[in-house]
C-alpha atoms as a PDB file:
ATOM      1  CA  UNK A   1       0.797   3.979 -21.567  1.00  0.00           C
ATOM      2  CA  UNK A   2       3.590   3.404 -19.056  1.00  0.00           C
ATOM      3  CA  UNK A   3       3.299   1.773 -15.628  1.00  0.00           C
ATOM      4  CA  UNK A   4       5.895   2.266 -12.896  1.00  0.00           C
ATOM      5  CA  UNK A   5       5.919   0.064  -9.814  1.00  0.00           C
ATOM      6  CA  UNK A   6       7.589   0.555  -6.448  1.00  0.00           C
ATOM      7  CA  UNK A   7       7.873  -2.126  -3.747  1.00  0.00           C
ATOM      8  CA  UNK A   8       8.410  -1.569  -0.030  1.00  0.00           C
ATOM      9  CA  UNK A   9       7.341  -3.137   3.265  1.00  0.00           C
ATOM     10  CA  UNK A  10       6.375  -2.419   6.861  1.00  0.00           C
ATOM     11  CA  UNK A  11       5.815  -4.490  10.006  1.00  0.00           C
ATOM     12  CA  UNK A  12       2.599  -4.174  11.994  1.00  0.00           C
ATOM     13  CA  UNK A  13       0.220  -6.151  14.181  1.00  0.00           C
ATOM     14  CA  UNK A  14      -3.536  -6.640  13.953  1.00  0.00           C
ATOM     15  CA  UNK A  15      -6.373  -8.968  14.828  1.00  0.00           C
ATOM     16  CA  UNK A  16      -9.672  -9.664  13.142  1.00  0.00           C
ATOM     17  CA  UNK A  17     -12.371  -9.037  15.710  1.00  0.00           C
ATOM     18  CA  UNK A  18     -15.276 -11.478  15.484  1.00  0.00           C
ATOM     19  CA  UNK A  19     -13.472 -13.676  12.975  1.00  0.00           C
ATOM     20  CA  UNK A  20     -13.821 -17.416  13.637  1.00  0.00           C
ATOM     21  CA  UNK A  21     -10.233 -18.546  13.320  1.00  0.00           C
ATOM     22  CA  UNK A  22      -6.680 -17.949  14.486  1.00  0.00           C
ATOM     23  CA  UNK A  23      -6.557 -14.478  12.909  1.00  0.00           C
ATOM     24  CA  UNK A  24      -8.851 -13.320  15.703  1.00  0.00           C
ATOM     25  CA  UNK A  25      -5.764 -13.465  17.930  1.00  0.00           C
ATOM     26  CA  UNK A  26      -3.242 -10.641  18.021  1.00  0.00           C
ATOM     27  CA  UNK A  27      -0.528 -11.368  15.445  1.00  0.00           C
ATOM     28  CA  UNK A  28       1.829  -9.531  13.132  1.00  0.00           C
ATOM     29  CA  UNK A  29       2.964  -9.525   9.538  1.00  0.00           C
ATOM     30  CA  UNK A  30       5.701  -8.023   7.483  1.00  0.00           C
ATOM     31  CA  UNK A  31       3.364  -6.453   4.948  1.00  0.00           C
ATOM     32  CA  UNK A  32       4.873  -6.126   1.464  1.00  0.00           C
ATOM     33  CA  UNK A  33       3.366  -3.366  -0.644  1.00  0.00           C
ATOM     34  CA  UNK A  34       3.480  -2.838  -4.413  1.00  0.00           C
ATOM     35  CA  UNK A  35       2.256   0.521  -5.720  1.00  0.00           C
ATOM     36  CA  UNK A  36       1.715   1.203  -9.426  1.00  0.00           C
ATOM     37  CA  UNK A  37       1.374   4.519 -11.232  1.00  0.00           C
ATOM     38  CA  UNK A  38       0.303   5.085 -14.854  1.00  0.00           C
ATOM     39  CA  UNK A  39       1.739   7.652 -17.216  1.00  0.00           C
ATOM     40  CA  UNK A  40       0.683   8.547 -20.726  1.00  0.00           C
ATOM     41  CA  UNK A  41       3.916  10.206 -21.791  1.00  0.00           C
ATOM     42  CA  UNK A  42       7.598  10.558 -21.032  1.00  0.00           C
ATOM     43  CA  UNK A  43       9.663  13.611 -20.202  1.00  0.00           C
ATOM     44  CA  UNK A  44      12.380  14.930 -22.518  1.00  0.00           C
ATOM     45  CA  UNK A  45      14.792  12.717 -20.524  1.00  0.00           C
ATOM     46  CA  UNK A  46      12.748   9.632 -21.482  1.00  0.00           C
ATOM     47  CA  UNK A  47      11.285   9.073 -17.991  1.00  0.00           C
ATOM     48  CA  UNK A  48       7.682   8.991 -16.790  1.00  0.00           C
ATOM     49  CA  UNK A  49       8.866  10.387 -13.443  1.00  0.00           C
ATOM     50  CA  UNK A  50      11.798   9.946 -11.103  1.00  0.00           C
ATOM     51  CA  UNK A  51      11.687   6.583  -9.294  1.00  0.00           C
ATOM     52  CA  UNK A  52      13.260   8.323  -6.311  1.00  0.00           C
ATOM     53  CA  UNK A  53      10.155  10.493  -5.873  1.00  0.00           C
ATOM     54  CA  UNK A  54       7.851   7.459  -5.931  1.00  0.00           C
ATOM     55  CA  UNK A  55      10.075   5.518  -3.517  1.00  0.00           C
ATOM     56  CA  UNK A  56      10.108   8.394  -1.045  1.00  0.00           C
ATOM     57  CA  UNK A  57       6.342   8.820  -1.228  1.00  0.00           C
ATOM     58  CA  UNK A  58       5.585   5.140  -0.648  1.00  0.00           C
ATOM     59  CA  UNK A  59       8.128   4.875   2.155  1.00  0.00           C
ATOM     60  CA  UNK A  60       6.684   7.972   3.840  1.00  0.00           C
ATOM     61  CA  UNK A  61       3.178   6.477   3.835  1.00  0.00           C
ATOM     62  CA  UNK A  62       4.368   3.083   5.082  1.00  0.00           C
ATOM     63  CA  UNK A  63       6.432   4.733   7.795  1.00  0.00           C
ATOM     64  CA  UNK A  64       3.189   5.963   9.390  1.00  0.00           C
ATOM     65  CA  UNK A  65       1.998   2.329   9.622  1.00  0.00           C
ATOM     66  CA  UNK A  66       5.295   0.708  10.604  1.00  0.00           C
ATOM     67  CA  UNK A  67       5.363  -0.993  14.018  1.00  0.00           C
ATOM     68  CA  UNK A  68       1.785  -0.020  14.852  1.00  0.00           C
ATOM     69  CA  UNK A  69      -1.343  -1.846  15.959  1.00  0.00           C
ATOM     70  CA  UNK A  70      -3.437  -1.501  12.816  1.00  0.00           C
ATOM     71  CA  UNK A  71      -6.738  -1.917  14.681  1.00  0.00           C
ATOM     72  CA  UNK A  72      -6.075   1.520  16.195  1.00  0.00           C
ATOM     73  CA  UNK A  73      -5.552   3.123  12.760  1.00  0.00           C
ATOM     74  CA  UNK A  74      -7.999   1.421  10.399  1.00  0.00           C
ATOM     75  CA  UNK A  75     -11.758   1.524  10.917  1.00  0.00           C
ATOM     76  CA  UNK A  76     -13.576  -1.793  11.106  1.00  0.00           C
ATOM     77  CA  UNK A  77     -11.368  -4.760  10.317  1.00  0.00           C
ATOM     78  CA  UNK A  78      -7.733  -4.106   9.305  1.00  0.00           C
ATOM     79  CA  UNK A  79      -7.809  -6.764   6.588  1.00  0.00           C
ATOM     80  CA  UNK A  80      -5.333  -6.817   3.706  1.00  0.00           C
ATOM     81  CA  UNK A  81      -8.115  -5.396   1.535  1.00  0.00           C
ATOM     82  CA  UNK A  82      -8.700  -2.429   3.819  1.00  0.00           C
ATOM     83  CA  UNK A  83      -4.976  -1.855   4.338  1.00  0.00           C
ATOM     84  CA  UNK A  84      -4.518  -1.677   0.544  1.00  0.00           C
ATOM     85  CA  UNK A  85      -7.375   0.848   0.343  1.00  0.00           C
ATOM     86  CA  UNK A  86      -5.935   3.003   3.139  1.00  0.00           C
ATOM     87  CA  UNK A  87      -2.460   3.041   1.562  1.00  0.00           C
ATOM     88  CA  UNK A  88      -3.974   3.864  -1.840  1.00  0.00           C
ATOM     89  CA  UNK A  89      -5.899   6.789  -0.335  1.00  0.00           C
ATOM     90  CA  UNK A  90      -2.808   8.098   1.453  1.00  0.00           C
ATOM     91  CA  UNK A  91      -0.647   7.810  -1.681  1.00  0.00           C
ATOM     92  CA  UNK A  92      -3.304   9.396  -3.867  1.00  0.00           C
ATOM     93  CA  UNK A  93      -3.215  12.525  -1.702  1.00  0.00           C
ATOM     94  CA  UNK A  94       0.555  12.700  -2.151  1.00  0.00           C
ATOM     95  CA  UNK A  95       0.640  12.817  -5.966  1.00  0.00           C
ATOM     96  CA  UNK A  96      -1.375  15.527  -7.603  1.00  0.00           C
ATOM     97  CA  UNK A  97      -1.265  15.119 -11.335  1.00  0.00           C
ATOM     98  CA  UNK A  98       0.172  11.596 -11.182  1.00  0.00           C
ATOM     99  CA  UNK A  99      -2.237   8.747 -11.812  1.00  0.00           C
ATOM    100  CA  UNK A 100      -1.979   6.123  -9.065  1.00  0.00           C
ATOM    101  CA  UNK A 101      -3.179   2.876 -10.621  1.00  0.00           C
ATOM    102  CA  UNK A 102      -3.231   0.367  -7.741  1.00  0.00           C
ATOM    103  CA  UNK A 103      -1.840  -0.757  -4.415  1.00  0.00           C
ATOM    104  CA  UNK A 104      -1.292  -4.434  -3.619  1.00  0.00           C
ATOM    105  CA  UNK A 105      -0.664  -5.582  -0.048  1.00  0.00           C
ATOM    106  CA  UNK A 106       0.856  -8.990   0.654  1.00  0.00           C
ATOM    107  CA  UNK A 107       0.269 -10.405   4.140  1.00  0.00           C
ATOM    108  CA  UNK A 108       2.351 -13.417   3.125  1.00  0.00           C
ATOM    109  CA  UNK A 109       4.224 -14.430  -0.027  1.00  0.00           C
ATOM    110  CA  UNK A 110       1.139 -16.367  -1.157  1.00  0.00           C
ATOM    111  CA  UNK A 111      -1.714 -14.013  -0.204  1.00  0.00           C
ATOM    112  CA  UNK A 112      -2.398 -10.465  -1.353  1.00  0.00           C
ATOM    113  CA  UNK A 113      -5.170  -7.947  -1.912  1.00  0.00           C
ATOM    114  CA  UNK A 114      -5.230  -5.157  -4.481  1.00  0.00           C
ATOM    115  CA  UNK A 115      -7.145  -1.892  -4.385  1.00  0.00           C
ATOM    116  CA  UNK A 116      -7.516   0.239  -7.517  1.00  0.00           C
ATOM    117  CA  UNK A 117      -9.758   3.064  -8.617  1.00  0.00           C
ATOM    118  CA  UNK A 118      -8.765   3.670 -12.234  1.00  0.00           C
END
């Protein structure tokens, strides 16, 4: 089994409505995203798939979130957990036949959330 990972980032604002703490105020993050795909075999060229394809797909998804107010795009609370789930769902639609393993969203270098369905 082979796992390929692509990293990218986007900037966006949010607030946690009803949360008792400073995150209830409008604030922003540079969200770093790691997406992983699993492959069972390699092509004749010795690759699972072209990294360029995966980079373009992740960047395309993140571009729709870049410089937005996430509360307008994500139902309920736009937490790191929900953002990871939304990105996973968007990426999953983009890759028929390719097994998306997980999406991890970092709201800071020390804090992340991962969503996976495999």
